[in-house]
């Protein structure tokens, strides 16, 4: 489960880093 979330986050950060930052905030 954690691996999936991490992989999804990596893919999102690679696709749109701005979106990932928005999620982190």
Protein backbone atom coordinates (compact mmCIF):
# COMPACT_ATOMS: atom_id res chain seq x y z
CA UNK A 1 0.00 0.00 0.00
CA UNK A 2 2.74 2.47 0.96
CA UNK A 3 4.67 1.54 -2.16
CA UNK A 4 1.65 2.31 -4.32
CA UNK A 5 1.20 5.73 -2.71
CA UNK A 6 4.91 6.47 -3.09
CA UNK A 7 4.86 5.39 -6.75
CA UNK A 8 1.78 7.50 -7.41
CA UNK A 9 3.40 10.50 -5.76
CA UNK A 10 6.54 10.03 -7.83
CA UNK A 11 4.49 9.79 -11.01
CA UNK A 12 2.51 12.90 -10.06
CA UNK A 13 5.67 14.82 -9.19
CA UNK A 14 7.15 13.78 -12.53
CA UNK A 15 3.97 14.72 -14.42
CA UNK A 16 3.16 17.93 -12.55
CA UNK A 17 5.41 18.96 -9.63
CA UNK A 18 3.13 21.91 -8.93
CA UNK A 19 0.23 19.56 -8.24
CA UNK A 20 2.33 17.45 -5.90
CA UNK A 21 3.39 20.58 -3.99
CA UNK A 22 -0.26 21.59 -3.70
CA UNK A 23 -1.06 18.17 -2.23
CA UNK A 24 1.87 18.38 0.20
CA UNK A 25 0.73 21.79 1.40
